[in-house]
Structures are given as structure tokens and as C-alpha cells.
Amino acid sequence: MRYMLELTLNGYKQVFEVIAETLKNWKVWKVRFMDGGEAVLFKCGSIWMQRNEDDLDRELLNAIGEKIDHSNLGIALS
């Protein structure tokens, strides 16, 4: 399932694509940014996490996770 989301953080507006997938029994969200960057996020309880090789700062990671949680995508875990 693919979704386009918009996030405004620190005065910057960013549009990104979220792709919901299952990877080894984990629900993951692949996030593709318009600049070509990509990150894979997953949620452990109420904490959003990312792969080791992804380099999102904690504030951006939490903002994207919160946007996924509060968007009516039907894919976010509570």
C-alpha cells in the first residue's frame, strides 16, 4: 500500500511516500523522500525506530512516525 504524506517540521514542508510492507513478520514502513532519500521505519510498542543504516535524526523520525500514526492510512499500529 502506497501513500503520500506531507510533513511540516521546523518551517520546512516535506512530501514523502510511505509504503507499508511486511518484512520477516515485522510491519515496516518504507519512507521515500522527494530528494531520493529512503528510510525503513518500524514501531516497537509506542517507539518509532529505524534501520541502523538510516540516518534520520530523532526529531524527524518521531515526526514521521506521528504523522503515520495520525493519518487515516489504516496501516499504523497503536
N, C-alpha and C. Protein backbone atom coordinates (compact mmCIF):
# COMPACT_ATOMS: atom_id res chain seq x y z
N MET A 1 0.85 -1.17 0.00
CA MET A 1 0.00 0.00 0.00
C MET A 1 0.89 1.23 0.00
N ARG A 2 0.61 2.16 -0.90
CA ARG A 2 1.40 3.37 -1.02
C ARG A 2 0.56 4.59 -0.64
N TYR A 3 1.19 5.52 0.06
CA TYR A 3 0.52 6.73 0.49
C TYR A 3 1.48 7.90 0.34
N MET A 4 0.96 9.08 0.04
CA MET A 4 1.75 10.30 0.01
C MET A 4 1.35 11.12 1.23
N LEU A 5 2.35 11.54 2.00
CA LEU A 5 2.10 12.35 3.19
C LEU A 5 2.91 13.63 3.11
N GLU A 6 2.43 14.65 3.79
CA GLU A 6 3.13 15.92 3.86
C GLU A 6 3.42 16.23 5.32
N LEU A 7 4.63 16.69 5.59
CA LEU A 7 5.05 16.97 6.96
C LEU A 7 5.69 18.35 6.99
N THR A 8 5.31 19.17 7.94
CA THR A 8 5.96 20.46 8.15
C THR A 8 6.70 20.38 9.47
N LEU A 9 8.01 20.56 9.41
CA LEU A 9 8.85 20.45 10.60
C LEU A 9 9.88 21.58 10.56
N ASN A 10 9.95 22.38 11.60
CA ASN A 10 10.89 23.50 11.69
C ASN A 10 10.76 24.45 10.52
N GLY A 11 9.53 24.67 10.07
CA GLY A 11 9.30 25.60 8.98
C GLY A 11 9.53 25.05 7.59
N TYR A 12 9.95 23.79 7.49
CA TYR A 12 10.17 23.17 6.19
C TYR A 12 9.04 22.19 5.89
N LYS A 13 8.52 22.29 4.69
CA LYS A 13 7.48 21.36 4.26
C LYS A 13 8.15 20.26 3.44
N GLN A 14 7.82 19.03 3.76
CA GLN A 14 8.41 17.90 3.06
C GLN A 14 7.30 16.91 2.69
N VAL A 15 7.34 16.46 1.46
CA VAL A 15 6.39 15.46 0.98
C VAL A 15 7.16 14.16 0.86
N PHE A 16 6.55 13.08 1.31
CA PHE A 16 7.21 11.79 1.21
C PHE A 16 6.18 10.71 0.94
N GLU A 17 6.67 9.62 0.40
CA GLU A 17 5.83 8.48 0.09
C GLU A 17 6.05 7.42 1.16
N VAL A 18 4.98 6.83 1.63
CA VAL A 18 5.06 5.77 2.63
C VAL A 18 4.52 4.50 2.00
N ILE A 19 5.31 3.45 2.09
CA ILE A 19 4.92 2.15 1.56
C ILE A 19 4.87 1.17 2.72
N ALA A 20 3.70 0.61 2.99
CA ALA A 20 3.54 -0.34 4.08
C ALA A 20 3.89 -1.73 3.55
N GLU A 21 4.74 -2.43 4.28
CA GLU A 21 5.17 -3.77 3.88
C GLU A 21 5.32 -4.63 5.12
N THR A 22 5.48 -5.92 4.90
CA THR A 22 5.82 -6.85 5.96
C THR A 22 7.16 -7.46 5.61
N LEU A 23 8.09 -7.44 6.55
CA LEU A 23 9.43 -7.97 6.35
C LEU A 23 9.75 -8.90 7.51
N LYS A 24 9.88 -10.17 7.23
CA LYS A 24 10.18 -11.16 8.27
C LYS A 24 9.24 -11.03 9.46
N ASN A 25 7.96 -11.01 9.21
CA ASN A 25 6.91 -10.91 10.23
C ASN A 25 6.87 -9.56 10.95
N TRP A 26 7.61 -8.56 10.50
CA TRP A 26 7.56 -7.22 11.07
C TRP A 26 6.79 -6.32 10.13
N LYS A 27 5.93 -5.48 10.66
CA LYS A 27 5.27 -4.45 9.88
C LYS A 27 6.25 -3.31 9.76
N VAL A 28 6.62 -2.94 8.52
CA VAL A 28 7.58 -1.86 8.30
C VAL A 28 6.97 -0.83 7.35
N TRP A 29 7.50 0.38 7.42
CA TRP A 29 7.07 1.46 6.56
C TRP A 29 8.31 2.00 5.86
N LYS A 30 8.33 1.82 4.55
CA LYS A 30 9.44 2.36 3.76
C LYS A 30 9.05 3.78 3.40
N VAL A 31 9.92 4.73 3.77
CA VAL A 31 9.65 6.14 3.53
C VAL A 31 10.60 6.60 2.44
N ARG A 32 10.04 7.14 1.36
CA ARG A 32 10.84 7.68 0.26
C ARG A 32 10.62 9.18 0.20
N PHE A 33 11.72 9.92 0.29
CA PHE A 33 11.66 11.37 0.24
C PHE A 33 11.80 11.85 -1.20
N MET A 34 11.34 13.04 -1.48
CA MET A 34 11.37 13.58 -2.84
C MET A 34 12.80 13.80 -3.33
N ASP A 35 13.77 13.93 -2.42
CA ASP A 35 15.16 14.10 -2.84
C ASP A 35 15.85 12.77 -3.15
N GLY A 36 15.09 11.68 -3.10
CA GLY A 36 15.64 10.36 -3.41
C GLY A 36 16.06 9.57 -2.18
N GLY A 37 16.10 10.20 -1.02
CA GLY A 37 16.46 9.51 0.21
C GLY A 37 15.39 8.50 0.60
N GLU A 38 15.81 7.50 1.36
CA GLU A 38 14.89 6.45 1.76
C GLU A 38 15.24 5.98 3.17
N ALA A 39 14.25 5.60 3.92
CA ALA A 39 14.44 5.05 5.26
C ALA A 39 13.39 3.98 5.49
N VAL A 40 13.71 3.02 6.33
CA VAL A 40 12.75 1.99 6.70
C VAL A 40 12.48 2.15 8.20
N LEU A 41 11.21 2.35 8.53
CA LEU A 41 10.80 2.57 9.92
C LEU A 41 9.99 1.39 10.41
N PHE A 42 10.06 1.16 11.70
CA PHE A 42 9.21 0.16 12.33
C PHE A 42 8.89 0.65 13.72
N LYS A 43 7.86 0.08 14.28
CA LYS A 43 7.39 0.53 15.58
C LYS A 43 7.49 -0.60 16.58
N CYS A 44 8.11 -0.31 17.71
CA CYS A 44 8.26 -1.28 18.79
C CYS A 44 7.49 -0.69 19.99
N GLY A 45 6.30 -1.22 20.24
CA GLY A 45 5.43 -0.64 21.26
C GLY A 45 4.96 0.71 20.78
N SER A 46 5.33 1.77 21.48
CA SER A 46 4.95 3.12 21.06
C SER A 46 6.15 3.91 20.53
N ILE A 47 7.29 3.25 20.38
CA ILE A 47 8.52 3.92 19.96
C ILE A 47 8.81 3.61 18.49
N TRP A 48 9.01 4.66 17.71
CA TRP A 48 9.37 4.51 16.31
C TRP A 48 10.88 4.32 16.21
N MET A 49 11.28 3.37 15.38
CA MET A 49 12.70 3.06 15.21
C MET A 49 13.01 3.01 13.72
N GLN A 50 14.32 2.98 13.41
CA GLN A 50 14.77 2.92 12.03
C GLN A 50 15.91 1.92 11.91
N ARG A 51 16.22 1.53 10.67
CA ARG A 51 17.35 0.64 10.45
C ARG A 51 18.64 1.36 10.86
N ASN A 52 19.66 0.59 11.21
CA ASN A 52 20.94 1.18 11.60
C ASN A 52 21.53 2.06 10.50
N GLU A 53 21.37 1.65 9.24
CA GLU A 53 21.98 2.42 8.15
C GLU A 53 21.20 3.68 7.77
N ASP A 54 19.99 3.84 8.26
CA ASP A 54 19.24 5.06 8.02
C ASP A 54 19.71 6.11 9.00
N ASP A 55 19.78 7.33 8.56
CA ASP A 55 20.39 8.37 9.39
C ASP A 55 19.43 9.53 9.66
N LEU A 56 18.19 9.21 10.01
CA LEU A 56 17.24 10.26 10.36
C LEU A 56 17.50 10.70 11.79
N ASP A 57 17.43 12.01 12.03
CA ASP A 57 17.58 12.44 13.42
C ASP A 57 16.30 12.08 14.17
N ARG A 58 16.38 12.01 15.47
CA ARG A 58 15.29 11.53 16.32
C ARG A 58 14.04 12.39 16.13
N GLU A 59 14.20 13.71 15.99
CA GLU A 59 13.05 14.59 15.84
C GLU A 59 12.29 14.29 14.55
N LEU A 60 13.01 14.09 13.45
CA LEU A 60 12.37 13.77 12.17
C LEU A 60 11.73 12.39 12.22
N LEU A 61 12.42 11.43 12.79
CA LEU A 61 11.90 10.07 12.93
C LEU A 61 10.57 10.09 13.70
N ASN A 62 10.54 10.77 14.83
CA ASN A 62 9.31 10.85 15.63
C ASN A 62 8.20 11.60 14.90
N ALA A 63 8.56 12.65 14.17
CA ALA A 63 7.55 13.42 13.44
C ALA A 63 6.92 12.58 12.32
N ILE A 64 7.73 11.82 11.61
CA ILE A 64 7.20 10.95 10.56
C ILE A 64 6.33 9.87 11.18
N GLY A 65 6.80 9.25 12.25
CA GLY A 65 6.02 8.21 12.93
C GLY A 65 4.69 8.74 13.43
N GLU A 66 4.71 9.93 14.00
CA GLU A 66 3.47 10.54 14.50
C GLU A 66 2.52 10.83 13.34
N LYS A 67 3.07 11.28 12.22
CA LYS A 67 2.25 11.56 11.04
C LYS A 67 1.60 10.27 10.53
N ILE A 68 2.36 9.18 10.51
CA ILE A 68 1.81 7.88 10.10
C ILE A 68 0.72 7.45 11.08
N ASP A 69 0.99 7.59 12.38
CA ASP A 69 0.00 7.21 13.40
C ASP A 69 -1.31 7.99 13.25
N HIS A 70 -1.20 9.30 13.00
CA HIS A 70 -2.39 10.15 13.00
C HIS A 70 -3.04 10.31 11.64
N SER A 71 -2.41 9.81 10.61
CA SER A 71 -3.06 9.82 9.28
C SER A 71 -3.99 8.64 9.22
N ASN A 72 -5.03 8.78 8.53
CA ASN A 72 -6.01 7.69 8.45
C ASN A 72 -5.59 6.72 7.35
N LEU A 73 -4.44 6.09 7.51
CA LEU A 73 -3.90 5.20 6.50
C LEU A 73 -4.38 3.76 6.65
N GLY A 74 -4.79 3.42 7.84
CA GLY A 74 -5.18 2.04 8.08
C GLY A 74 -4.01 1.10 8.17
N ILE A 75 -2.78 1.65 8.34
CA ILE A 75 -1.61 0.80 8.41
C ILE A 75 -0.84 0.96 9.72
N ALA A 76 -1.10 2.02 10.45
CA ALA A 76 -0.31 2.29 11.65
C ALA A 76 -0.76 1.39 12.79
N LEU A 77 0.18 1.03 13.62
CA LEU A 77 -0.12 0.21 14.80
C LEU A 77 -0.34 1.12 15.98
N SER A 78 -1.20 0.73 16.91
CA SER A 78 -1.39 1.55 18.10
C SER A 78 -0.70 0.92 19.27
